Amino acid sequence: MHEFQHVKLGAILDLYDLLDASDTRLYHAPWRDDMRPLEGLLQGTYAHLAVSDYWRTRQQITTGAAAQLANERFTFWLGHTRAAIESLADSGSMTPLGMRFVGEMRRSAQH
């Protein structure tokens, strides 16, 4: 699922400009030790949005210890994903379409 998100976003980025490619700054990605370029942060954020959704679903369809573990992982990944969404939004380097995309990621992360 994580890798499929990368493939989907890669196709979107082939068709649409979501970010200013001249932004050479590096950004903190909560799930990595190294700093990432803006496109890398976008890729990771989109992928981890799906990871969060996976754990959200697992907590709803399991019980007991499995549901508790799923809840912990959901909370962990959702927190990281929300922080990354805000970094993208605050970067000043997303195009208007990119800001719309980030807004939809934000909306998805609020459920």
PDB file of N, CA and C in Angstrom:
ATOM      1  N   MET A   1       0.822  -1.172   0.000  1.00  0.00           N
ATOM      2  CA  MET A   1       0.000   0.000   0.000  1.00  0.00           C
ATOM      3  C   MET A   1       0.882   1.258   0.000  1.00  0.00           C
ATOM      4  N   HIS A   2       1.889   1.266   0.854  1.00  0.00           N
ATOM      5  CA  HIS A   2       2.802   2.402   0.940  1.00  0.00           C
ATOM      6  C   HIS A   2       3.461   2.657  -0.421  1.00  0.00           C
ATOM      7  N   GLU A   3       3.993   1.601  -1.018  1.00  0.00           N
ATOM      8  CA  GLU A   3       4.671   1.754  -2.312  1.00  0.00           C
ATOM      9  C   GLU A   3       3.695   2.111  -3.419  1.00  0.00           C
ATOM     10  N   PHE A   4       2.489   1.581  -3.360  1.00  0.00           N
ATOM     11  CA  PHE A   4       1.484   1.914  -4.365  1.00  0.00           C
ATOM     12  C   PHE A   4       1.155   3.404  -4.319  1.00  0.00           C
ATOM     13  N   GLN A   5       1.145   3.973  -3.137  1.00  0.00           N
ATOM     14  CA  GLN A   5       0.911   5.417  -3.006  1.00  0.00           C
ATOM     15  C   GLN A   5       2.000   6.192  -3.743  1.00  0.00           C
ATOM     16  N   HIS A   6       3.250   5.736  -3.640  1.00  0.00           N
ATOM     17  CA  HIS A   6       4.340   6.395  -4.351  1.00  0.00           C
ATOM     18  C   HIS A   6       4.111   6.342  -5.862  1.00  0.00           C
ATOM     19  N   VAL A   7       3.663   5.193  -6.334  1.00  0.00           N
ATOM     20  CA  VAL A   7       3.408   5.040  -7.771  1.00  0.00           C
ATOM     21  C   VAL A   7       2.288   5.989  -8.209  1.00  0.00           C
ATOM     22  N   LYS A   8       1.210   6.028  -7.440  1.00  0.00           N
ATOM     23  CA  LYS A   8       0.084   6.915  -7.785  1.00  0.00           C
ATOM     24  C   LYS A   8       0.519   8.378  -7.807  1.00  0.00           C
ATOM     25  N   LEU A   9       1.243   8.791  -6.770  1.00  0.00           N
ATOM     26  CA  LEU A   9       1.667  10.185  -6.715  1.00  0.00           C
ATOM     27  C   LEU A   9       2.670  10.494  -7.816  1.00  0.00           C
ATOM     28  N   GLY A  10       3.534   9.539  -8.135  1.00  0.00           N
ATOM     29  CA  GLY A  10       4.464   9.736  -9.246  1.00  0.00           C
ATOM     30  C   GLY A  10       3.725  10.027 -10.537  1.00  0.00           C
ATOM     31  N   ALA A  11       2.635   9.304 -10.783  1.00  0.00           N
ATOM     32  CA  ALA A  11       1.831   9.546 -11.984  1.00  0.00           C
ATOM     33  C   ALA A  11       1.191  10.932 -11.942  1.00  0.00           C
ATOM     34  N   ILE A  12       0.695  11.323 -10.784  1.00  0.00           N
ATOM     35  CA  ILE A  12       0.107  12.660 -10.640  1.00  0.00           C
ATOM     36  C   ILE A  12       1.158  13.729 -10.914  1.00  0.00           C
ATOM     37  N   LEU A  13       2.355  13.533 -10.365  1.00  0.00           N
ATOM     38  CA  LEU A  13       3.427  14.517 -10.557  1.00  0.00           C
ATOM     39  C   LEU A  13       3.918  14.568 -11.998  1.00  0.00           C
ATOM     40  N   ASP A  14       3.747  13.487 -12.737  1.00  0.00           N
ATOM     41  CA  ASP A  14       4.067  13.512 -14.171  1.00  0.00           C
ATOM     42  C   ASP A  14       3.091  14.397 -14.938  1.00  0.00           C
ATOM     43  N   LEU A  15       1.892  14.521 -14.429  1.00  0.00           N
ATOM     44  CA  LEU A  15       0.840  15.278 -15.122  1.00  0.00           C
ATOM     45  C   LEU A  15       0.663  16.706 -14.617  1.00  0.00           C
ATOM     46  N   TYR A  16       0.923  16.918 -13.332  1.00  0.00           N
ATOM     47  CA  TYR A  16       0.615  18.206 -12.715  1.00  0.00           C
ATOM     48  C   TYR A  16       1.780  18.710 -11.871  1.00  0.00           C
ATOM     49  N   ASP A  17       1.944  20.024 -11.843  1.00  0.00           N
ATOM     50  CA  ASP A  17       2.936  20.648 -10.978  1.00  0.00           C
ATOM     51  C   ASP A  17       2.287  20.948  -9.631  1.00  0.00           C
ATOM     52  N   LEU A  18       2.675  20.212  -8.626  1.00  0.00           N
ATOM     53  CA  LEU A  18       2.133  20.433  -7.290  1.00  0.00           C
ATOM     54  C   LEU A  18       3.064  21.261  -6.416  1.00  0.00           C
ATOM     55  N   LEU A  19       4.327  21.370  -6.836  1.00  0.00           N
ATOM     56  CA  LEU A  19       5.297  22.093  -6.018  1.00  0.00           C
ATOM     57  C   LEU A  19       6.298  22.818  -6.910  1.00  0.00           C
ATOM     58  N   ASP A  20       6.953  23.778  -6.314  1.00  0.00           N
ATOM     59  CA  ASP A  20       7.985  24.544  -7.002  1.00  0.00           C
ATOM     60  C   ASP A  20       9.274  23.730  -6.986  1.00  0.00           C
ATOM     61  N   ALA A  21       9.642  23.204  -8.135  1.00  0.00           N
ATOM     62  CA  ALA A  21      10.817  22.331  -8.235  1.00  0.00           C
ATOM     63  C   ALA A  21      12.120  23.068  -7.928  1.00  0.00           C
ATOM     64  N   SER A  22      12.102  24.399  -7.921  1.00  0.00           N
ATOM     65  CA  SER A  22      13.330  25.138  -7.632  1.00  0.00           C
ATOM     66  C   SER A  22      13.609  25.254  -6.127  1.00  0.00           C
ATOM     67  N   ASP A  23      12.676  24.812  -5.301  1.00  0.00           N
ATOM     68  CA  ASP A  23      12.888  24.821  -3.848  1.00  0.00           C
ATOM     69  C   ASP A  23      13.894  23.728  -3.510  1.00  0.00           C
ATOM     70  N   THR A  24      15.076  24.122  -3.107  1.00  0.00           N
ATOM     71  CA  THR A  24      16.137  23.164  -2.795  1.00  0.00           C
ATOM     72  C   THR A  24      16.313  22.950  -1.287  1.00  0.00           C
ATOM     73  N   ARG A  25      15.438  23.550  -0.508  1.00  0.00           N
ATOM     74  CA  ARG A  25      15.535  23.363   0.944  1.00  0.00           C
ATOM     75  C   ARG A  25      15.237  21.910   1.314  1.00  0.00           C
ATOM     76  N   LEU A  26      15.690  21.541   2.482  1.00  0.00           N
ATOM     77  CA  LEU A  26      15.412  20.212   3.018  1.00  0.00           C
ATOM     78  C   LEU A  26      14.449  20.351   4.192  1.00  0.00           C
ATOM     79  N   TYR A  27      13.573  19.378   4.322  1.00  0.00           N
ATOM     80  CA  TYR A  27      12.492  19.421   5.310  1.00  0.00           C
ATOM     81  C   TYR A  27      12.554  18.202   6.210  1.00  0.00           C
ATOM     82  N   HIS A  28      12.090  18.400   7.436  1.00  0.00           N
ATOM     83  CA  HIS A  28      12.023  17.286   8.390  1.00  0.00           C
ATOM     84  C   HIS A  28      10.839  16.383   8.026  1.00  0.00           C
ATOM     85  N   ALA A  29      11.120  15.105   7.875  1.00  0.00           N
ATOM     86  CA  ALA A  29      10.078  14.090   7.700  1.00  0.00           C
ATOM     87  C   ALA A  29      10.033  13.290   9.004  1.00  0.00           C
ATOM     88  N   PRO A  30       8.935  13.332   9.731  1.00  0.00           N
ATOM     89  CA  PRO A  30       8.893  12.720  11.063  1.00  0.00           C
ATOM     90  C   PRO A  30       9.273  11.243  11.107  1.00  0.00           C
ATOM     91  N   TRP A  31       9.177  10.539  10.017  1.00  0.00           N
ATOM     92  CA  TRP A  31       9.465   9.099   9.980  1.00  0.00           C
ATOM     93  C   TRP A  31      10.882   8.790   9.536  1.00  0.00           C
ATOM     94  N   ARG A  32      11.712   9.826   9.322  1.00  0.00           N
ATOM     95  CA  ARG A  32      13.089   9.603   8.854  1.00  0.00           C
ATOM     96  C   ARG A  32      14.069  10.365   9.730  1.00  0.00           C
ATOM     97  N   ASP A  33      15.302   9.899   9.729  1.00  0.00           N
ATOM     98  CA  ASP A  33      16.361  10.580  10.470  1.00  0.00           C
ATOM     99  C   ASP A  33      17.007  11.689   9.643  1.00  0.00           C
ATOM    100  N   ASP A  34      16.924  11.572   8.314  1.00  0.00           N
ATOM    101  CA  ASP A  34      17.548  12.569   7.445  1.00  0.00           C
ATOM    102  C   ASP A  34      16.495  13.550   6.921  1.00  0.00           C
ATOM    103  N   MET A  35      16.961  14.703   6.531  1.00  0.00           N
ATOM    104  CA  MET A  35      16.073  15.730   5.974  1.00  0.00           C
ATOM    105  C   MET A  35      15.760  15.362   4.528  1.00  0.00           C
ATOM    106  N   ARG A  36      14.600  15.786   4.054  1.00  0.00           N
ATOM    107  CA  ARG A  36      14.111  15.402   2.739  1.00  0.00           C
ATOM    108  C   ARG A  36      13.846  16.630   1.875  1.00  0.00           C
ATOM    109  N   PRO A  37      14.047  16.517   0.566  1.00  0.00           N
ATOM    110  CA  PRO A  37      13.603  17.584  -0.329  1.00  0.00           C
ATOM    111  C   PRO A  37      12.073  17.640  -0.310  1.00  0.00           C
ATOM    112  N   LEU A  38      11.524  18.728  -0.782  1.00  0.00           N
ATOM    113  CA  LEU A  38      10.079  18.934  -0.716  1.00  0.00           C
ATOM    114  C   LEU A  38       9.313  17.802  -1.402  1.00  0.00           C
ATOM    115  N   GLU A  39       9.762  17.379  -2.575  1.00  0.00           N
ATOM    116  CA  GLU A  39       9.049  16.290  -3.251  1.00  0.00           C
ATOM    117  C   GLU A  39       9.115  15.001  -2.433  1.00  0.00           C
ATOM    118  N   GLY A  40      10.237  14.745  -1.793  1.00  0.00           N
ATOM    119  CA  GLY A  40      10.355  13.568  -0.937  1.00  0.00           C
ATOM    120  C   GLY A  40       9.405  13.636   0.249  1.00  0.00           C
ATOM    121  N   LEU A  41       9.257  14.830   0.825  1.00  0.00           N
ATOM    122  CA  LEU A  41       8.309  15.005   1.926  1.00  0.00           C
ATOM    123  C   LEU A  41       6.886  14.779   1.435  1.00  0.00           C
ATOM    124  N   LEU A  42       6.569  15.299   0.269  1.00  0.00           N
ATOM    125  CA  LEU A  42       5.241  15.091  -0.300  1.00  0.00           C
ATOM    126  C   LEU A  42       4.993  13.599  -0.533  1.00  0.00           C
ATOM    127  N   GLN A  43       5.967  12.912  -1.119  1.00  0.00           N
ATOM    128  CA  GLN A  43       5.825  11.479  -1.382  1.00  0.00           C
ATOM    129  C   GLN A  43       5.598  10.711  -0.074  1.00  0.00           C
ATOM    130  N   GLY A  44       6.416  10.990   0.909  1.00  0.00           N
ATOM    131  CA  GLY A  44       6.289  10.294   2.185  1.00  0.00           C
ATOM    132  C   GLY A  44       4.973  10.583   2.886  1.00  0.00           C
ATOM    133  N   THR A  45       4.537  11.825   2.820  1.00  0.00           N
ATOM    134  CA  THR A  45       3.287  12.208   3.467  1.00  0.00           C
ATOM    135  C   THR A  45       2.111  11.487   2.825  1.00  0.00           C
ATOM    136  N   TYR A  46       2.094  11.464   1.502  1.00  0.00           N
ATOM    137  CA  TYR A  46       1.005  10.794   0.795  1.00  0.00           C
ATOM    138  C   TYR A  46       1.007   9.295   1.104  1.00  0.00           C
ATOM    139  N   ALA A  47       2.177   8.697   1.151  1.00  0.00           N
ATOM    140  CA  ALA A  47       2.275   7.267   1.468  1.00  0.00           C
ATOM    141  C   ALA A  47       1.816   6.988   2.894  1.00  0.00           C
ATOM    142  N   HIS A  48       2.222   7.835   3.836  1.00  0.00           N
ATOM    143  CA  HIS A  48       1.866   7.595   5.234  1.00  0.00           C
ATOM    144  C   HIS A  48       0.415   7.936   5.536  1.00  0.00           C
ATOM    145  N   LEU A  49      -0.209   8.705   4.691  1.00  0.00           N
ATOM    146  CA  LEU A  49      -1.645   8.916   4.825  1.00  0.00           C
ATOM    147  C   LEU A  49      -2.367   7.575   4.649  1.00  0.00           C
ATOM    148  N   ALA A  50      -1.924   6.779   3.689  1.00  0.00           N
ATOM    149  CA  ALA A  50      -2.512   5.453   3.473  1.00  0.00           C
ATOM    150  C   ALA A  50      -2.161   4.502   4.612  1.00  0.00           C
ATOM    151  N   VAL A  51      -0.946   4.599   5.124  1.00  0.00           N
ATOM    152  CA  VAL A  51      -0.556   3.769   6.266  1.00  0.00           C
ATOM    153  C   VAL A  51      -1.465   4.079   7.456  1.00  0.00           C
ATOM    154  N   SER A  52      -1.714   5.362   7.694  1.00  0.00           N
ATOM    155  CA  SER A  52      -2.618   5.757   8.778  1.00  0.00           C
ATOM    156  C   SER A  52      -4.013   5.185   8.558  1.00  0.00           C
ATOM    157  N   ASP A  53      -4.504   5.268   7.336  1.00  0.00           N
ATOM    158  CA  ASP A  53      -5.829   4.728   7.033  1.00  0.00           C
ATOM    159  C   ASP A  53      -5.886   3.221   7.258  1.00  0.00           C
ATOM    160  N   TYR A  54      -4.808   2.530   6.930  1.00  0.00           N
ATOM    161  CA  TYR A  54      -4.755   1.093   7.175  1.00  0.00           C
ATOM    162  C   TYR A  54      -4.946   0.800   8.662  1.00  0.00           C
ATOM    163  N   TRP A  55      -4.176   1.501   9.504  1.00  0.00           N
ATOM    164  CA  TRP A  55      -4.272   1.243  10.941  1.00  0.00           C
ATOM    165  C   TRP A  55      -5.598   1.707  11.504  1.00  0.00           C
ATOM    166  N   ARG A  56      -6.186   2.756  10.936  1.00  0.00           N
ATOM    167  CA  ARG A  56      -7.525   3.195  11.358  1.00  0.00           C
ATOM    168  C   ARG A  56      -8.528   2.054  11.111  1.00  0.00           C
ATOM    169  N   THR A  57      -8.456   1.453   9.943  1.00  0.00           N
ATOM    170  CA  THR A  57      -9.360   0.362   9.605  1.00  0.00           C
ATOM    171  C   THR A  57      -9.115  -0.852  10.486  1.00  0.00           C
ATOM    172  N   ARG A  58      -7.843  -1.193  10.706  1.00  0.00           N
ATOM    173  CA  ARG A  58      -7.513  -2.354  11.550  1.00  0.00           C
ATOM    174  C   ARG A  58      -8.064  -2.192  12.959  1.00  0.00           C
ATOM    175  N   GLN A  59      -8.019  -0.992  13.510  1.00  0.00           N
ATOM    176  CA  GLN A  59      -8.527  -0.815  14.867  1.00  0.00           C
ATOM    177  C   GLN A  59     -10.038  -0.973  14.911  1.00  0.00           C
ATOM    178  N   GLN A  60     -10.702  -0.719  13.802  1.00  0.00           N
ATOM    179  CA  GLN A  60     -12.160  -0.829  13.754  1.00  0.00           C
ATOM    180  C   GLN A  60     -12.639  -2.258  13.528  1.00  0.00           C
ATOM    181  N   ILE A  61     -11.803  -3.100  12.927  1.00  0.00           N
ATOM    182  CA  ILE A  61     -12.260  -4.450  12.584  1.00  0.00           C
ATOM    183  C   ILE A  61     -11.643  -5.533  13.459  1.00  0.00           C
ATOM    184  N   THR A  62     -10.813  -5.144  14.402  1.00  0.00           N
ATOM    185  CA  THR A  62     -10.213  -6.122  15.305  1.00  0.00           C
ATOM    186  C   THR A  62     -10.682  -5.846  16.724  1.00  0.00           C
ATOM    187  N   THR A  63     -10.358  -6.749  17.619  1.00  0.00           N
ATOM    188  CA  THR A  63     -10.719  -6.582  19.026  1.00  0.00           C
ATOM    189  C   THR A  63      -9.508  -6.917  19.893  1.00  0.00           C
ATOM    190  N   GLY A  64      -9.626  -6.607  21.146  1.00  0.00           N
ATOM    191  CA  GLY A  64      -8.607  -6.970  22.124  1.00  0.00           C
ATOM    192  C   GLY A  64      -7.247  -6.369  21.844  1.00  0.00           C
ATOM    193  N   ALA A  65      -6.220  -7.191  22.024  1.00  0.00           N
ATOM    194  CA  ALA A  65      -4.837  -6.723  21.869  1.00  0.00           C
ATOM    195  C   ALA A  65      -4.550  -6.240  20.451  1.00  0.00           C
ATOM    196  N   ALA A  66      -5.134  -6.908  19.460  1.00  0.00           N
ATOM    197  CA  ALA A  66      -4.912  -6.489  18.067  1.00  0.00           C
ATOM    198  C   ALA A  66      -5.485  -5.096  17.825  1.00  0.00           C
ATOM    199  N   ALA A  67      -6.637  -4.818  18.398  1.00  0.00           N
ATOM    200  CA  ALA A  67      -7.244  -3.492  18.251  1.00  0.00           C
ATOM    201  C   ALA A  67      -6.425  -2.440  18.990  1.00  0.00           C
ATOM    202  N   GLN A  68      -5.903  -2.793  20.149  1.00  0.00           N
ATOM    203  CA  GLN A  68      -5.063  -1.860  20.909  1.00  0.00           C
ATOM    204  C   GLN A  68      -3.791  -1.528  20.144  1.00  0.00           C
ATOM    205  N   LEU A  69      -3.143  -2.548  19.587  1.00  0.00           N
ATOM    206  CA  LEU A  69      -1.935  -2.328  18.791  1.00  0.00           C
ATOM    207  C   LEU A  69      -2.260  -1.457  17.574  1.00  0.00           C
ATOM    208  N   ALA A  70      -3.353  -1.755  16.901  1.00  0.00           N
ATOM    209  CA  ALA A  70      -3.750  -0.966  15.739  1.00  0.00           C
ATOM    210  C   ALA A  70      -4.019   0.481  16.131  1.00  0.00           C
ATOM    211  N   ASN A  71      -4.649   0.695  17.275  1.00  0.00           N
ATOM    212  CA  ASN A  71      -4.909   2.057  17.743  1.00  0.00           C
ATOM    213  C   ASN A  71      -3.610   2.799  18.015  1.00  0.00           C
ATOM    214  N   GLU A  72      -2.645   2.127  18.634  1.00  0.00           N
ATOM    215  CA  GLU A  72      -1.355   2.765  18.918  1.00  0.00           C
ATOM    216  C   GLU A  72      -0.633   3.135  17.622  1.00  0.00           C
ATOM    217  N   ARG A  73      -0.639   2.236  16.658  1.00  0.00           N
ATOM    218  CA  ARG A  73       0.025   2.514  15.381  1.00  0.00           C
ATOM    219  C   ARG A  73      -0.711   3.591  14.602  1.00  0.00           C
ATOM    220  N   PHE A  74      -2.024   3.548  14.644  1.00  0.00           N
ATOM    221  CA  PHE A  74      -2.808   4.594  13.980  1.00  0.00           C
ATOM    222  C   PHE A  74      -2.472   5.961  14.567  1.00  0.00           C
ATOM    223  N   THR A  75      -2.473   6.061  15.864  1.00  0.00           N
ATOM    224  CA  THR A  75      -2.173   7.331  16.525  1.00  0.00           C
ATOM    225  C   THR A  75      -0.766   7.816  16.175  1.00  0.00           C
ATOM    226  N   PHE A  76       0.198   6.906  16.194  1.00  0.00           N
ATOM    227  CA  PHE A  76       1.580   7.233  15.866  1.00  0.00           C
ATOM    228  C   PHE A  76       1.694   7.767  14.440  1.00  0.00           C
ATOM    229  N   TRP A  77       1.196   7.001  13.459  1.00  0.00           N
ATOM    230  CA  TRP A  77       1.352   7.393  12.054  1.00  0.00           C
ATOM    231  C   TRP A  77       0.510   8.605  11.713  1.00  0.00           C
ATOM    232  N   LEU A  78      -0.662   8.724  12.290  1.00  0.00           N
ATOM    233  CA  LEU A  78      -1.488   9.894  12.014  1.00  0.00           C
ATOM    234  C   LEU A  78      -0.821  11.168  12.526  1.00  0.00           C
ATOM    235  N   GLY A  79      -0.224  11.103  13.697  1.00  0.00           N
ATOM    236  CA  GLY A  79       0.473  12.274  14.230  1.00  0.00           C
ATOM    237  C   GLY A  79       1.614  12.711  13.331  1.00  0.00           C
ATOM    238  N   HIS A  80       2.409  11.765  12.889  1.00  0.00           N
ATOM    239  CA  HIS A  80       3.510  12.084  11.971  1.00  0.00           C
ATOM    240  C   HIS A  80       2.987  12.640  10.649  1.00  0.00           C
ATOM    241  N   THR A  81       1.927  12.044  10.153  1.00  0.00           N
ATOM    242  CA  THR A  81       1.377  12.469   8.860  1.00  0.00           C
ATOM    243  C   THR A  81       0.805  13.875   8.957  1.00  0.00           C
ATOM    244  N   ARG A  82       0.092  14.150  10.013  1.00  0.00           N
ATOM    245  CA  ARG A  82      -0.470  15.506  10.199  1.00  0.00           C
ATOM    246  C   ARG A  82       0.641  16.552  10.289  1.00  0.00           C
ATOM    247  N   ALA A  83       1.705  16.237  11.007  1.00  0.00           N
ATOM    248  CA  ALA A  83       2.827  17.184  11.116  1.00  0.00           C
ATOM    249  C   ALA A  83       3.443  17.444   9.749  1.00  0.00           C
ATOM    250  N   ALA A  84       3.601  16.400   8.956  1.00  0.00           N
ATOM    251  CA  ALA A  84       4.181  16.558   7.622  1.00  0.00           C
ATOM    252  C   ALA A  84       3.264  17.347   6.703  1.00  0.00           C
ATOM    253  N   ILE A  85       1.973  17.145   6.819  1.00  0.00           N
ATOM    254  CA  ILE A  85       1.010  17.914   6.022  1.00  0.00           C
ATOM    255  C   ILE A  85       1.182  19.403   6.316  1.00  0.00           C
ATOM    256  N   GLU A  86       1.333  19.739   7.578  1.00  0.00           N
ATOM    257  CA  GLU A  86       1.499  21.153   7.938  1.00  0.00           C
ATOM    258  C   GLU A  86       2.828  21.698   7.431  1.00  0.00           C
ATOM    259  N   SER A  87       3.876  20.884   7.421  1.00  0.00           N
ATOM    260  CA  SER A  87       5.157  21.327   6.856  1.00  0.00           C
ATOM    261  C   SER A  87       5.014  21.635   5.372  1.00  0.00           C
ATOM    262  N   LEU A  88       4.297  20.777   4.664  1.00  0.00           N
ATOM    263  CA  LEU A  88       4.051  21.032   3.238  1.00  0.00           C
ATOM    264  C   LEU A  88       3.271  22.341   3.058  1.00  0.00           C
ATOM    265  N   ALA A  89       2.223  22.501   3.833  1.00  0.00           N
ATOM    266  CA  ALA A  89       1.388  23.696   3.717  1.00  0.00           C
ATOM    267  C   ALA A  89       2.162  24.967   4.047  1.00  0.00           C
ATOM    268  N   ASP A  90       3.063  24.865   5.007  1.00  0.00           N
ATOM    269  CA  ASP A  90       3.831  26.034   5.449  1.00  0.00           C
ATOM    270  C   ASP A  90       5.082  26.296   4.615  1.00  0.00           C
ATOM    271  N   SER A  91       5.398  25.422   3.681  1.00  0.00           N
ATOM    272  CA  SER A  91       6.645  25.543   2.925  1.00  0.00           C
ATOM    273  C   SER A  91       6.688  26.778   2.034  1.00  0.00           C
ATOM    274  N   GLY A  92       5.533  27.230   1.584  1.00  0.00           N
ATOM    275  CA  GLY A  92       5.500  28.345   0.649  1.00  0.00           C
ATOM    276  C   GLY A  92       5.895  27.935  -0.757  1.00  0.00           C
ATOM    277  N   SER A  93       6.106  26.657  -0.982  1.00  0.00           N
ATOM    278  CA  SER A  93       6.569  26.181  -2.284  1.00  0.00           C
ATOM    279  C   SER A  93       5.595  25.236  -2.977  1.00  0.00           C
ATOM    280  N   MET A  94       4.396  25.137  -2.452  1.00  0.00           N
ATOM    281  CA  MET A  94       3.379  24.349  -3.136  1.00  0.00           C
ATOM    282  C   MET A  94       2.666  25.270  -4.128  1.00  0.00           C
ATOM    283  N   THR A  95       2.360  24.749  -5.299  1.00  0.00           N
ATOM    284  CA  THR A  95       1.580  25.516  -6.274  1.00  0.00           C
ATOM    285  C   THR A  95       0.143  25.625  -5.764  1.00  0.00           C
ATOM    286  N   PRO A  96      -0.682  26.460  -6.387  1.00  0.00           N
ATOM    287  CA  PRO A  96      -2.086  26.484  -5.967  1.00  0.00           C
ATOM    288  C   PRO A  96      -2.741  25.097  -6.033  1.00  0.00           C
ATOM    289  N   LEU A  97      -2.464  24.335  -7.083  1.00  0.00           N
ATOM    290  CA  LEU A  97      -2.994  22.976  -7.162  1.00  0.00           C
ATOM    291  C   LEU A  97      -2.388  22.101  -6.068  1.00  0.00           C
ATOM    292  N   GLY A  98      -1.109  22.302  -5.783  1.00  0.00           N
ATOM    293  CA  GLY A  98      -0.459  21.565  -4.708  1.00  0.00           C
ATOM    294  C   GLY A  98      -1.073  21.875  -3.355  1.00  0.00           C
ATOM    295  N   MET A  99      -1.422  23.132  -3.126  1.00  0.00           N
ATOM    296  CA  MET A  99      -2.080  23.503  -1.870  1.00  0.00           C
ATOM    297  C   MET A  99      -3.455  22.852  -1.776  1.00  0.00           C
ATOM    298  N   ARG A 100      -4.130  22.745  -2.887  1.00  0.00           N
ATOM    299  CA  ARG A 100      -5.424  22.052  -2.894  1.00  0.00           C
ATOM    300  C   ARG A 100      -5.222  20.575  -2.551  1.00  0.00           C
ATOM    301  N   PHE A 101      -4.192  19.966  -3.120  1.00  0.00           N
ATOM    302  CA  PHE A 101      -3.859  18.574  -2.837  1.00  0.00           C
ATOM    303  C   PHE A 101      -3.537  18.396  -1.354  1.00  0.00           C
ATOM    304  N   VAL A 102      -2.718  19.288  -0.809  1.00  0.00           N
ATOM    305  CA  VAL A 102      -2.365  19.237   0.610  1.00  0.00           C
ATOM    306  C   VAL A 102      -3.618  19.434   1.466  1.00  0.00           C
ATOM    307  N   GLY A 103      -4.495  20.322   1.042  1.00  0.00           N
ATOM    308  CA  GLY A 103      -5.744  20.523   1.773  1.00  0.00           C
ATOM    309  C   GLY A 103      -6.597  19.268   1.817  1.00  0.00           C
ATOM    310  N   GLU A 104      -6.617  18.531   0.728  1.00  0.00           N
ATOM    311  CA  GLU A 104      -7.371  17.274   0.704  1.00  0.00           C
ATOM    312  C   GLU A 104      -6.696  16.213   1.578  1.00  0.00           C
ATOM    313  N   MET A 105      -5.370  16.212   1.614  1.00  0.00           N
ATOM    314  CA  MET A 105      -4.679  15.296   2.535  1.00  0.00           C
ATOM    315  C   MET A 105      -5.040  15.664   3.978  1.00  0.00           C
ATOM    316  N   ARG A 106      -5.051  16.958   4.267  1.00  0.00           N
ATOM    317  CA  ARG A 106      -5.389  17.420   5.611  1.00  0.00           C
ATOM    318  C   ARG A 106      -6.816  16.977   5.978  1.00  0.00           C
ATOM    319  N   ARG A 107      -7.739  17.151   5.034  1.00  0.00           N
ATOM    320  CA  ARG A 107      -9.123  16.757   5.278  1.00  0.00           C
ATOM    321  C   ARG A 107      -9.202  15.250   5.559  1.00  0.00           C
ATOM    322  N   SER A 108      -8.486  14.473   4.787  1.00  0.00           N
ATOM    323  CA  SER A 108      -8.483  13.019   4.974  1.00  0.00           C
ATOM    324  C   SER A 108      -7.899  12.644   6.341  1.00  0.00           C
ATOM    325  N   ALA A 109      -6.899  13.364   6.777  1.00  0.00           N
ATOM    326  CA  ALA A 109      -6.242  13.069   8.062  1.00  0.00           C
ATOM    327  C   ALA A 109      -7.071  13.517   9.261  1.00  0.00           C
ATOM    328  N   GLN A 110      -8.135  14.243   9.028  1.00  0.00           N
ATOM    329  CA  GLN A 110      -8.967  14.714  10.124  1.00  0.00           C
ATOM    330  C   GLN A 110     -10.076  13.745  10.485  1.00  0.00           C
ATOM    331  N   HIS A 111     -10.260  12.717   9.708  1.00  0.00           N
ATOM    332  CA  HIS A 111     -11.344  11.764   9.991  1.00  0.00           C
ATOM    333  C   HIS A 111     -10.943  10.771  11.033  1.00  0.00           C
TER     334      HIS A 111
END
